[in-house]
All heavy atoms as atom14 arrays in JSON, in Angstrom:
{
  "sequence": "VRVLCGSNWSLVLQGQWMLEFYAPWCPACQQ",
  "atom14_mask": [
    [1, 1, 1, 1, 1, 1, 1, 0, 0, 0, 0, 0, 0, 0],
    [1, 1, 1, 1, 1, 1, 1, 1, 1, 1, 1, 0, 0, 0],
    [1, 1, 1, 1, 1, 1, 1, 0, 0, 0, 0, 0, 0, 0],
    [1, 1, 1, 1, 1, 1, 1, 1, 0, 0, 0, 0, 0, 0],
    [1, 1, 1, 1, 1, 1, 0, 0, 0, 0, 0, 0, 0, 0],
    [1, 1, 1, 1, 0, 0, 0, 0, 0, 0, 0, 0, 0, 0],
    [1, 1, 1, 1, 1, 1, 0, 0, 0, 0, 0, 0, 0, 0],
    [1, 1, 1, 1, 1, 1, 1, 1, 0, 0, 0, 0, 0, 0],
    [1, 1, 1, 1, 1, 1, 1, 1, 1, 1, 1, 1, 1, 1],
    [1, 1, 1, 1, 1, 1, 0, 0, 0, 0, 0, 0, 0, 0],
    [1, 1, 1, 1, 1, 1, 1, 1, 0, 0, 0, 0, 0, 0],
    [1, 1, 1, 1, 1, 1, 1, 0, 0, 0, 0, 0, 0, 0],
    [1, 1, 1, 1, 1, 1, 1, 1, 0, 0, 0, 0, 0, 0],
    [1, 1, 1, 1, 1, 1, 1, 1, 1, 0, 0, 0, 0, 0],
    [1, 1, 1, 1, 0, 0, 0, 0, 0, 0, 0, 0, 0, 0],
    [1, 1, 1, 1, 1, 1, 1, 1, 1, 0, 0, 0, 0, 0],
    [1, 1, 1, 1, 1, 1, 1, 1, 1, 1, 1, 1, 1, 1],
    [1, 1, 1, 1, 1, 1, 1, 1, 0, 0, 0, 0, 0, 0],
    [1, 1, 1, 1, 1, 1, 1, 1, 0, 0, 0, 0, 0, 0],
    [1, 1, 1, 1, 1, 1, 1, 1, 1, 0, 0, 0, 0, 0],
    [1, 1, 1, 1, 1, 1, 1, 1, 1, 1, 1, 0, 0, 0],
    [1, 1, 1, 1, 1, 1, 1, 1, 1, 1, 1, 1, 0, 0],
    [1, 1, 1, 1, 1, 0, 0, 0, 0, 0, 0, 0, 0, 0],
    [1, 1, 1, 1, 1, 1, 1, 0, 0, 0, 0, 0, 0, 0],
    [1, 1, 1, 1, 1, 1, 1, 1, 1, 1, 1, 1, 1, 1],
    [1, 1, 1, 1, 1, 1, 0, 0, 0, 0, 0, 0, 0, 0],
    [1, 1, 1, 1, 1, 1, 1, 0, 0, 0, 0, 0, 0, 0],
    [1, 1, 1, 1, 1, 0, 0, 0, 0, 0, 0, 0, 0, 0],
    [1, 1, 1, 1, 1, 1, 0, 0, 0, 0, 0, 0, 0, 0],
    [1, 1, 1, 1, 1, 1, 1, 1, 1, 0, 0, 0, 0, 0],
    [1, 1, 1, 1, 1, 1, 1, 1, 1, 0, 0, 0, 0, 0]
  ],
  "atom14_positions": [
    [[0.85, -1.19, 0.0], [0.0, 0.0, 0.0], [0.89, 1.24, 0.0], [1.78, 1.38, 0.83], [-0.94, 0.02, 1.23], [-1.8, 1.27, 1.23], [-1.81, -1.22, 1.26], [0.0, 0.0, 0.0], [0.0, 0.0, 0.0], [0.0, 0.0, 0.0], [0.0, 0.0, 0.0], [0.0, 0.0, 0.0], [0.0, 0.0, 0.0], [0.0, 0.0, 0.0]],
    [[0.63, 2.16, -0.93], [1.38, 3.42, -0.98], [0.76, 4.39, 0.03], [-0.44, 4.61, 0.02], [1.28, 4.07, -2.38], [1.91, 3.3, -3.5], [3.4, 3.5, -3.65], [3.86, 4.85, -3.7], [4.17, 5.5, -4.82], [4.04, 4.93, -5.99], [4.63, 6.73, -4.75], [0.0, 0.0, 0.0], [0.0, 0.0, 0.0], [0.0, 0.0, 0.0]],
    [[1.59, 4.97, 0.87], [1.13, 5.96, 1.84], [1.2, 7.32, 1.18], [2.25, 7.74, 0.7], [1.99, 5.92, 3.12], [1.56, 7.01, 4.08], [1.89, 4.55, 3.78], [0.0, 0.0, 0.0], [0.0, 0.0, 0.0], [0.0, 0.0, 0.0], [0.0, 0.0, 0.0], [0.0, 0.0, 0.0], [0.0, 0.0, 0.0], [0.0, 0.0, 0.0]],
    [[0.06, 8.01, 1.16], [0.01, 9.33, 0.54], [-0.08, 10.41, 1.6], [-0.65, 10.22, 2.66], [-1.18, 9.43, -0.41], [-1.09, 8.53, -1.64], [-2.36, 8.61, -2.45], [0.1, 8.88, -2.5], [0.0, 0.0, 0.0], [0.0, 0.0, 0.0], [0.0, 0.0, 0.0], [0.0, 0.0, 0.0], [0.0, 0.0, 0.0], [0.0, 0.0, 0.0]],
    [[0.52, 11.55, 1.27], [0.52, 12.7, 2.17], [0.35, 13.96, 1.33], [0.21, 13.89, 0.11], [1.8, 12.73, 3.0], [3.29, 12.85, 2.02], [0.0, 0.0, 0.0], [0.0, 0.0, 0.0], [0.0, 0.0, 0.0], [0.0, 0.0, 0.0], [0.0, 0.0, 0.0], [0.0, 0.0, 0.0], [0.0, 0.0, 0.0], [0.0, 0.0, 0.0]],
    [[0.39, 15.09, 1.99], [0.19, 16.36, 1.3], [1.2, 16.63, 0.2], [0.89, 17.28, -0.8], [0.0, 0.0, 0.0], [0.0, 0.0, 0.0], [0.0, 0.0, 0.0], [0.0, 0.0, 0.0], [0.0, 0.0, 0.0], [0.0, 0.0, 0.0], [0.0, 0.0, 0.0], [0.0, 0.0, 0.0], [0.0, 0.0, 0.0], [0.0, 0.0, 0.0]],
    [[2.41, 16.12, 0.35], [3.45, 16.4, -0.64], [3.43, 15.47, -1.85], [3.97, 15.81, -2.9], [4.83, 16.35, 0.03], [5.07, 15.05, 0.53], [0.0, 0.0, 0.0], [0.0, 0.0, 0.0], [0.0, 0.0, 0.0], [0.0, 0.0, 0.0], [0.0, 0.0, 0.0], [0.0, 0.0, 0.0], [0.0, 0.0, 0.0], [0.0, 0.0, 0.0]],
    [[2.82, 14.29, -1.73], [2.83, 13.37, -2.87], [1.43, 12.95, -3.34], [1.31, 12.05, -4.17], [3.67, 12.13, -2.54], [3.02, 11.21, -1.54], [1.99, 11.52, -0.95], [3.64, 10.07, -1.32], [0.0, 0.0, 0.0], [0.0, 0.0, 0.0], [0.0, 0.0, 0.0], [0.0, 0.0, 0.0], [0.0, 0.0, 0.0], [0.0, 0.0, 0.0]],
    [[0.39, 13.58, -2.85], [-0.97, 13.17, -3.19], [-1.26, 13.29, -4.68], [-2.08, 12.57, -5.23], [-2.02, 13.96, -2.4], [-2.33, 15.29, -2.99], [-1.71, 16.47, -2.73], [-3.32, 15.57, -3.98], [-2.26, 17.46, -3.48], [-3.24, 16.94, -4.26], [-4.26, 14.79, -4.64], [-4.07, 17.54, -5.2], [-5.08, 15.41, -5.57], [-4.98, 16.77, -5.84]],
    [[-0.55, 14.19, -5.37], [-0.82, 14.41, -6.8], [-0.46, 13.19, -7.66], [-0.8, 13.16, -8.84], [-0.11, 15.67, -7.3], [1.29, 15.53, -7.13], [0.0, 0.0, 0.0], [0.0, 0.0, 0.0], [0.0, 0.0, 0.0], [0.0, 0.0, 0.0], [0.0, 0.0, 0.0], [0.0, 0.0, 0.0], [0.0, 0.0, 0.0], [0.0, 0.0, 0.0]],
    [[0.18, 12.19, -7.06], [0.44, 10.95, -7.8], [-0.85, 10.31, -8.29], [-0.86, 9.64, -9.32], [1.2, 9.96, -6.91], [2.63, 10.32, -6.52], [3.17, 9.34, -5.48], [3.53, 10.34, -7.75], [0.0, 0.0, 0.0], [0.0, 0.0, 0.0], [0.0, 0.0, 0.0], [0.0, 0.0, 0.0], [0.0, 0.0, 0.0], [0.0, 0.0, 0.0]],
    [[-1.94, 10.52, -7.54], [-3.21, 9.9, -7.92], [-3.83, 10.54, -9.15], [-4.84, 10.05, -9.66], [-4.24, 9.89, -6.75], [-3.71, 9.13, -5.56], [-4.66, 11.28, -6.37], [0.0, 0.0, 0.0], [0.0, 0.0, 0.0], [0.0, 0.0, 0.0], [0.0, 0.0, 0.0], [0.0, 0.0, 0.0], [0.0, 0.0, 0.0], [0.0, 0.0, 0.0]],
    [[-3.24, 11.61, -9.64], [-3.77, 12.27, -10.84], [-3.36, 11.53, -12.11], [-3.85, 11.85, -13.19], [-3.3, 13.73, -10.9], [-3.79, 14.61, -9.75], [-3.16, 16.0, -9.85], [-5.3, 14.7, -9.74], [0.0, 0.0, 0.0], [0.0, 0.0, 0.0], [0.0, 0.0, 0.0], [0.0, 0.0, 0.0], [0.0, 0.0, 0.0], [0.0, 0.0, 0.0]],
    [[-2.45, 10.57, -11.98], [-2.0, 9.8, -13.15], [-2.18, 8.31, -12.86], [-1.82, 7.83, -11.79], [-0.54, 10.1, -13.44], [-0.31, 11.54, -13.83], [1.17, 11.85, -13.98], [2.03, 11.05, -13.65], [1.45, 13.04, -14.47], [0.0, 0.0, 0.0], [0.0, 0.0, 0.0], [0.0, 0.0, 0.0], [0.0, 0.0, 0.0], [0.0, 0.0, 0.0]],
    [[-2.72, 7.61, -13.82], [-2.93, 6.17, -13.67], [-4.21, 5.87, -12.92], [-5.03, 6.75, -12.66], [0.0, 0.0, 0.0], [0.0, 0.0, 0.0], [0.0, 0.0, 0.0], [0.0, 0.0, 0.0], [0.0, 0.0, 0.0], [0.0, 0.0, 0.0], [0.0, 0.0, 0.0], [0.0, 0.0, 0.0], [0.0, 0.0, 0.0], [0.0, 0.0, 0.0]],
    [[-4.36, 4.6, -12.58], [-5.57, 4.15, -11.89], [-5.23, 3.81, -10.44], [-4.29, 3.06, -10.18], [-6.16, 2.93, -12.61], [-7.51, 2.56, -12.11], [-8.2, 1.5, -12.97], [-9.35, 1.26, -12.74], [-7.54, 0.86, -13.9], [0.0, 0.0, 0.0], [0.0, 0.0, 0.0], [0.0, 0.0, 0.0], [0.0, 0.0, 0.0], [0.0, 0.0, 0.0]],
    [[-6.01, 4.36, -9.52], [-5.78, 4.22, -8.09], [-7.04, 3.83, -7.36], [-8.15, 4.19, -7.78], [-5.33, 5.55, -7.49], [-3.94, 5.97, -7.8], [-3.46, 6.43, -9.0], [-2.83, 5.98, -6.91], [-2.13, 6.73, -8.89], [-1.72, 6.46, -7.62], [-2.69, 5.63, -5.58], [-0.47, 6.6, -7.04], [-1.44, 5.77, -4.99], [-0.35, 6.24, -5.71]],
    [[-6.85, 3.15, -6.24], [-7.88, 3.01, -5.21], [-7.23, 3.57, -3.96], [-6.11, 3.22, -3.61], [-8.29, 1.55, -5.0], [-9.14, 0.98, -6.12], [-10.79, 1.69, -6.25], [-11.65, 0.78, -4.98], [0.0, 0.0, 0.0], [0.0, 0.0, 0.0], [0.0, 0.0, 0.0], [0.0, 0.0, 0.0], [0.0, 0.0, 0.0], [0.0, 0.0, 0.0]],
    [[-7.95, 4.47, -3.3], [-7.39, 5.23, -2.2], [-8.32, 5.15, -0.99], [-9.5, 5.47, -1.1], [-7.22, 6.68, -2.65], [-6.52, 7.67, -1.76], [-5.11, 7.2, -1.44], [-6.47, 9.02, -2.45], [0.0, 0.0, 0.0], [0.0, 0.0, 0.0], [0.0, 0.0, 0.0], [0.0, 0.0, 0.0], [0.0, 0.0, 0.0], [0.0, 0.0, 0.0]],
    [[-7.76, 4.73, 0.14], [-8.54, 4.62, 1.38], [-8.13, 5.73, 2.35], [-6.95, 5.94, 2.6], [-8.29, 3.27, 2.06], [-9.01, 3.15, 3.39], [-8.49, 2.02, 4.27], [-7.36, 1.54, 4.07], [-9.24, 1.64, 5.18], [0.0, 0.0, 0.0], [0.0, 0.0, 0.0], [0.0, 0.0, 0.0], [0.0, 0.0, 0.0], [0.0, 0.0, 0.0]],
    [[-9.13, 6.39, 2.91], [-8.91, 7.35, 3.99], [-9.33, 6.67, 5.27], [-10.44, 6.15, 5.37], [-9.75, 8.61, 3.76], [-9.26, 9.43, 2.61], [-9.65, 9.14, 1.31], [-8.37, 10.47, 2.82], [-9.18, 9.89, 0.25], [-7.89, 11.22, 1.76], [-8.29, 10.92, 0.47], [0.0, 0.0, 0.0], [0.0, 0.0, 0.0], [0.0, 0.0, 0.0]],
    [[-8.42, 6.65, 6.25], [-8.66, 5.91, 7.49], [-8.09, 6.69, 8.67], [-7.37, 7.67, 8.52], [-7.99, 4.54, 7.4], [-6.49, 4.61, 7.57], [-5.88, 4.34, 8.8], [-5.67, 4.98, 6.51], [-4.5, 4.44, 8.96], [-4.3, 5.08, 6.66], [-3.72, 4.81, 7.88], [-2.37, 4.92, 8.05], [0.0, 0.0, 0.0], [0.0, 0.0, 0.0]],
    [[-8.44, 6.22, 9.86], [-7.84, 6.72, 11.1], [-7.43, 5.5, 11.92], [-8.17, 4.51, 11.95], [-8.83, 7.59, 11.87], [0.0, 0.0, 0.0], [0.0, 0.0, 0.0], [0.0, 0.0, 0.0], [0.0, 0.0, 0.0], [0.0, 0.0, 0.0], [0.0, 0.0, 0.0], [0.0, 0.0, 0.0], [0.0, 0.0, 0.0], [0.0, 0.0, 0.0]],
    [[-6.29, 5.55, 12.57], [-5.82, 4.4, 13.35], [-6.78, 3.98, 14.47], [-6.84, 2.81, 14.83], [-4.49, 4.86, 13.94], [-4.07, 6.02, 13.13], [-5.31, 6.64, 12.57], [0.0, 0.0, 0.0], [0.0, 0.0, 0.0], [0.0, 0.0, 0.0], [0.0, 0.0, 0.0], [0.0, 0.0, 0.0], [0.0, 0.0, 0.0], [0.0, 0.0, 0.0]],
    [[-7.54, 4.92, 15.02], [-8.45, 4.63, 16.13], [-9.81, 4.11, 15.66], [-10.63, 3.67, 16.47], [-8.66, 5.88, 16.97], [-9.01, 7.09, 16.17], [-8.17, 8.09, 15.79], [-10.29, 7.43, 15.61], [-8.83, 9.03, 15.04], [-10.14, 8.65, 14.91], [-11.54, 6.83, 15.64], [-11.18, 9.27, 14.23], [-12.59, 7.44, 14.96], [-12.4, 8.65, 14.28]],
    [[-10.08, 4.14, 14.36], [-11.39, 3.77, 13.81], [-11.56, 2.25, 13.74], [-10.81, 1.57, 13.04], [-11.52, 4.38, 12.41], [-12.89, 3.77, 11.42], [0.0, 0.0, 0.0], [0.0, 0.0, 0.0], [0.0, 0.0, 0.0], [0.0, 0.0, 0.0], [0.0, 0.0, 0.0], [0.0, 0.0, 0.0], [0.0, 0.0, 0.0], [0.0, 0.0, 0.0]],
    [[-12.57, 1.68, 14.46], [-12.76, 0.23, 14.44], [-13.06, -0.33, 13.05], [-12.54, -1.39, 12.69], [-13.96, 0.01, 15.37], [-14.03, 1.24, 16.21], [-13.48, 2.36, 15.39], [0.0, 0.0, 0.0], [0.0, 0.0, 0.0], [0.0, 0.0, 0.0], [0.0, 0.0, 0.0], [0.0, 0.0, 0.0], [0.0, 0.0, 0.0], [0.0, 0.0, 0.0]],
    [[-13.87, 0.36, 12.26], [-14.19, -0.12, 10.9], [-12.93, -0.11, 10.03], [-12.74, -1.0, 9.2], [-15.28, 0.74, 10.28], [0.0, 0.0, 0.0], [0.0, 0.0, 0.0], [0.0, 0.0, 0.0], [0.0, 0.0, 0.0], [0.0, 0.0, 0.0], [0.0, 0.0, 0.0], [0.0, 0.0, 0.0], [0.0, 0.0, 0.0], [0.0, 0.0, 0.0]],
    [[-12.07, 0.88, 10.23], [-10.81, 0.96, 9.47], [-9.88, -0.18, 9.87], [-9.23, -0.79, 9.01], [-10.13, 2.3, 9.7], [-11.12, 3.73, 9.25], [0.0, 0.0, 0.0], [0.0, 0.0, 0.0], [0.0, 0.0, 0.0], [0.0, 0.0, 0.0], [0.0, 0.0, 0.0], [0.0, 0.0, 0.0], [0.0, 0.0, 0.0], [0.0, 0.0, 0.0]],
    [[-9.81, -0.46, 11.15], [-8.96, -1.55, 11.65], [-9.45, -2.88, 11.09], [-8.65, -3.74, 10.73], [-8.98, -1.57, 13.17], [-8.31, -0.38, 13.8], [-8.59, -0.27, 15.29], [-9.34, -1.04, 15.86], [-7.97, 0.72, 15.93], [0.0, 0.0, 0.0], [0.0, 0.0, 0.0], [0.0, 0.0, 0.0], [0.0, 0.0, 0.0], [0.0, 0.0, 0.0]],
    [[-10.76, -3.03, 11.03], [-11.36, -4.25, 10.52], [-11.04, -4.45, 9.03], [-10.88, -5.58, 8.57], [-12.88, -4.17, 10.72], [-13.6, -5.46, 10.65], [-15.06, -5.27, 11.06], [-15.66, -4.21, 10.82], [-15.64, -6.28, 11.67], [0.0, 0.0, 0.0], [0.0, 0.0, 0.0], [0.0, 0.0, 0.0], [0.0, 0.0, 0.0], [0.0, 0.0, 0.0]]
  ]
}
């Protein structure tokens, strides 16, 4: 999994991506 941040998020503008937004404390995200 590629970790995206403010400085490299524009990578998703090229090619095909699936991107998950999560929080470490979120039970559904952990699941």
